[in-house]
Amino acid sequence: MRLLDSNFRRQLPQYLFQCGLATAALIIILLVQDAVLHAAIVVAVASTVFIVFIIPNSVAATPRKVIGGHVVAVIVGSLLYAILNIPPIDAVTSDSGYIVDVIAALSVGLSIFLMVVSDTEHPPAAVTALGLTIPGWSWSAVAFFLVGALIFSLVRIALRPKLINLL
């Protein structure tokens, strides 16, 4: 049983470069987004950062999957959040958190289904739907997901020749 990755010593500069990119991206994310109030948002984006910068050659790191997955999840999360705010449903959910839990789970399940059907599977995007359903929908959260997915995809495209899979 080995303790370190067998490629670590040979590719140390690459490991430092790509992990540094991921760290820099997360610093920017945490400076822009309030991590305490929007933990699900940060988790979704941090997971995307991991995939794009640590396993950039994976299918899940392609722009179609990153951007498409987050777009699907934003649409699903937004629609289900809107359903939660229909007055009769909103009145019931204020008395019981069970309905919110069910709708939140549905947002994840439906977004996964639609990502698979549309060939835009990006696992962290499932948390995007959850992050828009539970803590509450906002334009800034939607923009944050979509702009983040776009920026990470553009950086991946620009740096593609310099990136390798670290896993």
C-alpha atoms as a PDB file:
ATOM      1  CA  MET A   1       0.000   0.000   0.000  1.00  0.00           C
ATOM      2  CA  ARG A   2       1.496   3.322  -1.018  1.00  0.00           C
ATOM      3  CA  LEU A   3       0.902   6.620   0.719  1.00  0.00           C
ATOM      4  CA  LEU A   4       1.578   8.990  -2.202  1.00  0.00           C
ATOM      5  CA  ASP A   5       0.380   9.005  -5.798  1.00  0.00           C
ATOM      6  CA  SER A   6       3.048   7.370  -7.951  1.00  0.00           C
ATOM      7  CA  ASN A   7       3.029  10.380 -10.322  1.00  0.00           C
ATOM      8  CA  PHE A   8       3.464  12.953  -7.559  1.00  0.00           C
ATOM      9  CA  ARG A   9       7.253  13.303  -7.570  1.00  0.00           C
ATOM     10  CA  ARG A  10       7.515  13.242 -11.345  1.00  0.00           C
ATOM     11  CA  GLN A  11       4.730  15.795 -11.882  1.00  0.00           C
ATOM     12  CA  LEU A  12       5.061  18.014  -8.808  1.00  0.00           C
ATOM     13  CA  PRO A  13       5.033  21.299 -10.796  1.00  0.00           C
ATOM     14  CA  GLN A  14       1.848  20.220 -12.577  1.00  0.00           C
ATOM     15  CA  TYR A  15       0.208  19.282  -9.281  1.00  0.00           C
ATOM     16  CA  LEU A  16       1.134  22.645  -7.777  1.00  0.00           C
ATOM     17  CA  PHE A  17      -0.044  24.571 -10.862  1.00  0.00           C
ATOM     18  CA  GLN A  18      -3.448  22.909 -11.117  1.00  0.00           C
ATOM     19  CA  CYS A  19      -4.150  22.817  -7.382  1.00  0.00           C
ATOM     20  CA  GLY A  20      -3.090  26.479  -7.270  1.00  0.00           C
ATOM     21  CA  LEU A  21      -5.637  27.279  -9.992  1.00  0.00           C
ATOM     22  CA  ALA A  22      -8.348  25.523  -8.022  1.00  0.00           C
ATOM     23  CA  THR A  23      -7.330  27.365  -4.846  1.00  0.00           C
ATOM     24  CA  ALA A  24      -7.313  30.751  -6.596  1.00  0.00           C
ATOM     25  CA  ALA A  25     -10.749  30.080  -8.072  1.00  0.00           C
ATOM     26  CA  LEU A  26     -12.138  29.177  -4.651  1.00  0.00           C
ATOM     27  CA  ILE A  27     -10.605  32.262  -3.038  1.00  0.00           C
ATOM     28  CA  ILE A  28     -12.377  34.410  -5.600  1.00  0.00           C
ATOM     29  CA  ILE A  29     -15.632  32.483  -5.087  1.00  0.00           C
ATOM     30  CA  LEU A  30     -15.500  32.856  -1.315  1.00  0.00           C
ATOM     31  CA  LEU A  31     -14.701  36.549  -1.545  1.00  0.00           C
ATOM     32  CA  VAL A  32     -17.696  37.106  -3.827  1.00  0.00           C
ATOM     33  CA  GLN A  33     -20.212  34.740  -2.227  1.00  0.00           C
ATOM     34  CA  ASP A  34     -21.179  34.619   1.452  1.00  0.00           C
ATOM     35  CA  ALA A  35     -20.181  31.033   2.277  1.00  0.00           C
ATOM     36  CA  VAL A  36     -22.213  30.789   5.466  1.00  0.00           C
ATOM     37  CA  LEU A  37     -25.552  31.775   3.953  1.00  0.00           C
ATOM     38  CA  HIS A  38     -25.039  29.995   0.665  1.00  0.00           C
ATOM     39  CA  ALA A  39     -23.159  26.804   1.531  1.00  0.00           C
ATOM     40  CA  ALA A  40     -24.880  24.736  -1.173  1.00  0.00           C
ATOM     41  CA  ILE A  41     -23.879  27.277  -3.798  1.00  0.00           C
ATOM     42  CA  VAL A  42     -20.254  27.177  -2.712  1.00  0.00           C
ATOM     43  CA  VAL A  43     -20.272  23.354  -2.612  1.00  0.00           C
ATOM     44  CA  ALA A  44     -21.621  23.139  -6.175  1.00  0.00           C
ATOM     45  CA  VAL A  45     -19.093  25.603  -7.542  1.00  0.00           C
ATOM     46  CA  ALA A  46     -16.183  24.151  -5.540  1.00  0.00           C
ATOM     47  CA  SER A  47     -16.984  20.686  -6.886  1.00  0.00           C
ATOM     48  CA  THR A  48     -17.036  22.052 -10.421  1.00  0.00           C
ATOM     49  CA  VAL A  49     -13.659  23.701  -9.797  1.00  0.00           C
ATOM     50  CA  PHE A  50     -12.276  20.363  -8.632  1.00  0.00           C
ATOM     51  CA  ILE A  51     -13.438  18.557 -11.761  1.00  0.00           C
ATOM     52  CA  VAL A  52     -12.321  21.272 -14.195  1.00  0.00           C
ATOM     53  CA  PHE A  53      -8.850  21.802 -12.720  1.00  0.00           C
ATOM     54  CA  ILE A  54      -7.967  18.428 -11.184  1.00  0.00           C
ATOM     55  CA  ILE A  55      -9.456  16.048 -13.756  1.00  0.00           C
ATOM     56  CA  PRO A  56      -9.670  18.347 -16.803  1.00  0.00           C
ATOM     57  CA  ASN A  57      -9.673  15.491 -19.315  1.00  0.00           C
ATOM     58  CA  SER A  58     -12.748  13.861 -17.814  1.00  0.00           C
ATOM     59  CA  VAL A  59     -16.010  13.954 -19.714  1.00  0.00           C
ATOM     60  CA  ALA A  60     -17.607  15.875 -16.812  1.00  0.00           C
ATOM     61  CA  ALA A  61     -15.100  18.724 -17.317  1.00  0.00           C
ATOM     62  CA  THR A  62     -16.107  19.486 -20.912  1.00  0.00           C
ATOM     63  CA  PRO A  63     -17.831  22.833 -21.489  1.00  0.00           C
ATOM     64  CA  ARG A  64     -21.009  21.102 -22.682  1.00  0.00           C
ATOM     65  CA  LYS A  65     -21.263  19.191 -19.399  1.00  0.00           C
ATOM     66  CA  VAL A  66     -20.170  22.034 -17.096  1.00  0.00           C
ATOM     67  CA  ILE A  67     -22.271  24.791 -18.643  1.00  0.00           C
ATOM     68  CA  GLY A  68     -25.135  22.546 -19.762  1.00  0.00           C
ATOM     69  CA  GLY A  69     -25.394  20.785 -16.423  1.00  0.00           C
ATOM     70  CA  HIS A  70     -25.563  24.041 -14.493  1.00  0.00           C
ATOM     71  CA  VAL A  71     -28.096  25.521 -16.969  1.00  0.00           C
ATOM     72  CA  VAL A  72     -30.362  22.480 -16.557  1.00  0.00           C
ATOM     73  CA  ALA A  73     -30.028  22.647 -12.768  1.00  0.00           C
ATOM     74  CA  VAL A  74     -30.711  26.404 -12.683  1.00  0.00           C
ATOM     75  CA  ILE A  75     -33.895  25.903 -14.708  1.00  0.00           C
ATOM     76  CA  VAL A  76     -35.102  23.012 -12.539  1.00  0.00           C
ATOM     77  CA  GLY A  77     -34.154  24.690  -9.251  1.00  0.00           C
ATOM     78  CA  SER A  78     -35.826  27.927 -10.336  1.00  0.00           C
ATOM     79  CA  LEU A  79     -39.053  26.196 -11.376  1.00  0.00           C
ATOM     80  CA  LEU A  80     -39.321  24.176  -8.191  1.00  0.00           C
ATOM     81  CA  TYR A  81     -38.532  27.222  -6.061  1.00  0.00           C
ATOM     82  CA  ALA A  82     -41.357  29.020  -7.895  1.00  0.00           C
ATOM     83  CA  ILE A  83     -43.693  26.118  -7.096  1.00  0.00           C
ATOM     84  CA  LEU A  84     -42.754  26.381  -3.407  1.00  0.00           C
ATOM     85  CA  ASN A  85     -43.811  30.036  -3.502  1.00  0.00           C
ATOM     86  CA  ILE A  86     -47.295  29.523  -4.941  1.00  0.00           C
ATOM     87  CA  PRO A  87     -49.486  30.963  -2.136  1.00  0.00           C
ATOM     88  CA  PRO A  88     -51.375  27.771  -1.142  1.00  0.00           C
ATOM     89  CA  ILE A  89     -48.149  25.727  -1.132  1.00  0.00           C
ATOM     90  CA  ASP A  90     -46.215  28.484   0.635  1.00  0.00           C
ATOM     91  CA  ALA A  91     -48.834  28.519   3.413  1.00  0.00           C
ATOM     92  CA  VAL A  92     -48.428  24.773   3.937  1.00  0.00           C
ATOM     93  CA  THR A  93     -44.609  24.835   3.801  1.00  0.00           C
ATOM     94  CA  SER A  94     -44.421  27.477   6.508  1.00  0.00           C
ATOM     95  CA  ASP A  95     -46.064  24.968   8.872  1.00  0.00           C
ATOM     96  CA  SER A  96     -44.056  21.942   7.762  1.00  0.00           C
ATOM     97  CA  GLY A  97     -40.562  21.588   6.387  1.00  0.00           C
ATOM     98  CA  TYR A  98     -41.377  18.184   4.895  1.00  0.00           C
ATOM     99  CA  ILE A  99     -42.762  19.664   1.701  1.00  0.00           C
ATOM    100  CA  VAL A 100     -39.635  21.780   1.230  1.00  0.00           C
ATOM    101  CA  ASP A 101     -37.532  18.643   1.733  1.00  0.00           C
ATOM    102  CA  VAL A 102     -39.557  16.729  -0.854  1.00  0.00           C
ATOM    103  CA  ILE A 103     -39.389  19.585  -3.384  1.00  0.00           C
ATOM    104  CA  ALA A 104     -35.630  19.948  -2.769  1.00  0.00           C
ATOM    105  CA  ALA A 105     -35.110  16.221  -3.369  1.00  0.00           C
ATOM    106  CA  LEU A 106     -37.255  16.448  -6.502  1.00  0.00           C
ATOM    107  CA  SER A 107     -35.107  19.325  -7.758  1.00  0.00           C
ATOM    108  CA  VAL A 108     -32.010  17.137  -7.510  1.00  0.00           C
ATOM    109  CA  GLY A 109     -33.665  14.050  -9.018  1.00  0.00           C
ATOM    110  CA  LEU A 110     -35.295  15.950 -11.865  1.00  0.00           C
ATOM    111  CA  SER A 111     -32.123  17.867 -12.687  1.00  0.00           C
ATOM    112  CA  ILE A 112     -30.139  14.602 -12.768  1.00  0.00           C
ATOM    113  CA  PHE A 113     -32.742  13.048 -15.062  1.00  0.00           C
ATOM    114  CA  LEU A 114     -32.739  16.035 -17.432  1.00  0.00           C
ATOM    115  CA  MET A 115     -28.927  16.186 -17.467  1.00  0.00           C
ATOM    116  CA  VAL A 116     -28.771  12.513 -18.442  1.00  0.00           C
ATOM    117  CA  VAL A 117     -31.452  12.952 -21.119  1.00  0.00           C
ATOM    118  CA  SER A 118     -29.771  16.072 -22.561  1.00  0.00           C
ATOM    119  CA  ASP A 119     -26.227  14.624 -22.352  1.00  0.00           C
ATOM    120  CA  THR A 120     -25.104  17.382 -19.990  1.00  0.00           C
ATOM    121  CA  GLU A 121     -24.221  15.255 -16.953  1.00  0.00           C
ATOM    122  CA  HIS A 122     -22.167  17.262 -14.483  1.00  0.00           C
ATOM    123  CA  PRO A 123     -22.542  15.826 -10.942  1.00  0.00           C
ATOM    124  CA  PRO A 124     -21.898  19.102  -9.046  1.00  0.00           C
ATOM    125  CA  ALA A 125     -24.776  20.719 -10.930  1.00  0.00           C
ATOM    126  CA  ALA A 126     -27.238  18.601  -8.946  1.00  0.00           C
ATOM    127  CA  VAL A 127     -26.258  20.685  -5.924  1.00  0.00           C
ATOM    128  CA  THR A 128     -27.002  23.801  -7.987  1.00  0.00           C
ATOM    129  CA  ALA A 129     -30.681  22.812  -8.140  1.00  0.00           C
ATOM    130  CA  LEU A 130     -30.644  22.146  -4.407  1.00  0.00           C
ATOM    131  CA  GLY A 131     -28.904  25.473  -3.722  1.00  0.00           C
ATOM    132  CA  LEU A 132     -31.644  27.367  -5.544  1.00  0.00           C
ATOM    133  CA  THR A 133     -34.483  25.445  -3.930  1.00  0.00           C
ATOM    134  CA  ILE A 134     -33.584  25.321  -0.232  1.00  0.00           C
ATOM    135  CA  PRO A 135     -31.843  28.571   0.774  1.00  0.00           C
ATOM    136  CA  GLY A 136     -33.912  30.534  -1.662  1.00  0.00           C
ATOM    137  CA  TRP A 137     -33.698  31.686  -5.217  1.00  0.00           C
ATOM    138  CA  SER A 138     -32.011  34.935  -6.229  1.00  0.00           C
ATOM    139  CA  TRP A 139     -30.786  36.511  -9.436  1.00  0.00           C
ATOM    140  CA  SER A 140     -27.318  36.781  -7.952  1.00  0.00           C
ATOM    141  CA  ALA A 141     -27.215  33.020  -7.248  1.00  0.00           C
ATOM    142  CA  VAL A 142     -28.376  32.212 -10.798  1.00  0.00           C
ATOM    143  CA  ALA A 143     -25.776  34.572 -12.274  1.00  0.00           C
ATOM    144  CA  PHE A 144     -23.114  33.167  -9.969  1.00  0.00           C
ATOM    145  CA  PHE A 145     -23.713  29.587 -11.149  1.00  0.00           C
ATOM    146  CA  LEU A 146     -23.916  30.427 -14.829  1.00  0.00           C
ATOM    147  CA  VAL A 147     -21.065  32.942 -14.977  1.00  0.00           C
ATOM    148  CA  GLY A 148     -18.890  30.616 -12.883  1.00  0.00           C
ATOM    149  CA  ALA A 149     -19.568  27.665 -15.213  1.00  0.00           C
ATOM    150  CA  LEU A 150     -18.766  29.832 -18.225  1.00  0.00           C
ATOM    151  CA  ILE A 151     -15.554  31.260 -16.745  1.00  0.00           C
ATOM    152  CA  PHE A 152     -14.268  27.863 -15.576  1.00  0.00           C
ATOM    153  CA  SER A 153     -14.984  26.387 -19.011  1.00  0.00           C
ATOM    154  CA  LEU A 154     -13.186  29.252 -20.768  1.00  0.00           C
ATOM    155  CA  VAL A 155     -10.167  28.919 -18.467  1.00  0.00           C
ATOM    156  CA  ARG A 156     -10.114  25.162 -19.113  1.00  0.00           C
ATOM    157  CA  ILE A 157     -10.202  25.754 -22.876  1.00  0.00           C
ATOM    158  CA  ALA A 158      -7.418  28.349 -22.680  1.00  0.00           C
ATOM    159  CA  LEU A 159      -5.201  26.220 -20.418  1.00  0.00           C
ATOM    160  CA  ARG A 160      -6.081  22.818 -21.873  1.00  0.00           C
ATOM    161  CA  PRO A 161      -2.584  22.167 -23.287  1.00  0.00           C
ATOM    162  CA  LYS A 162      -1.085  22.790 -19.833  1.00  0.00           C
ATOM    163  CA  LEU A 163      -3.544  20.684 -17.813  1.00  0.00           C
ATOM    164  CA  ILE A 164      -3.351  16.961 -17.078  1.00  0.00           C
ATOM    165  CA  ASN A 165      -5.534  14.665 -15.000  1.00  0.00           C
ATOM    166  CA  LEU A 166      -4.137  14.529 -11.469  1.00  0.00           C
ATOM    167  CA  LEU A 167      -6.302  11.532 -10.547  1.00  0.00           C
END
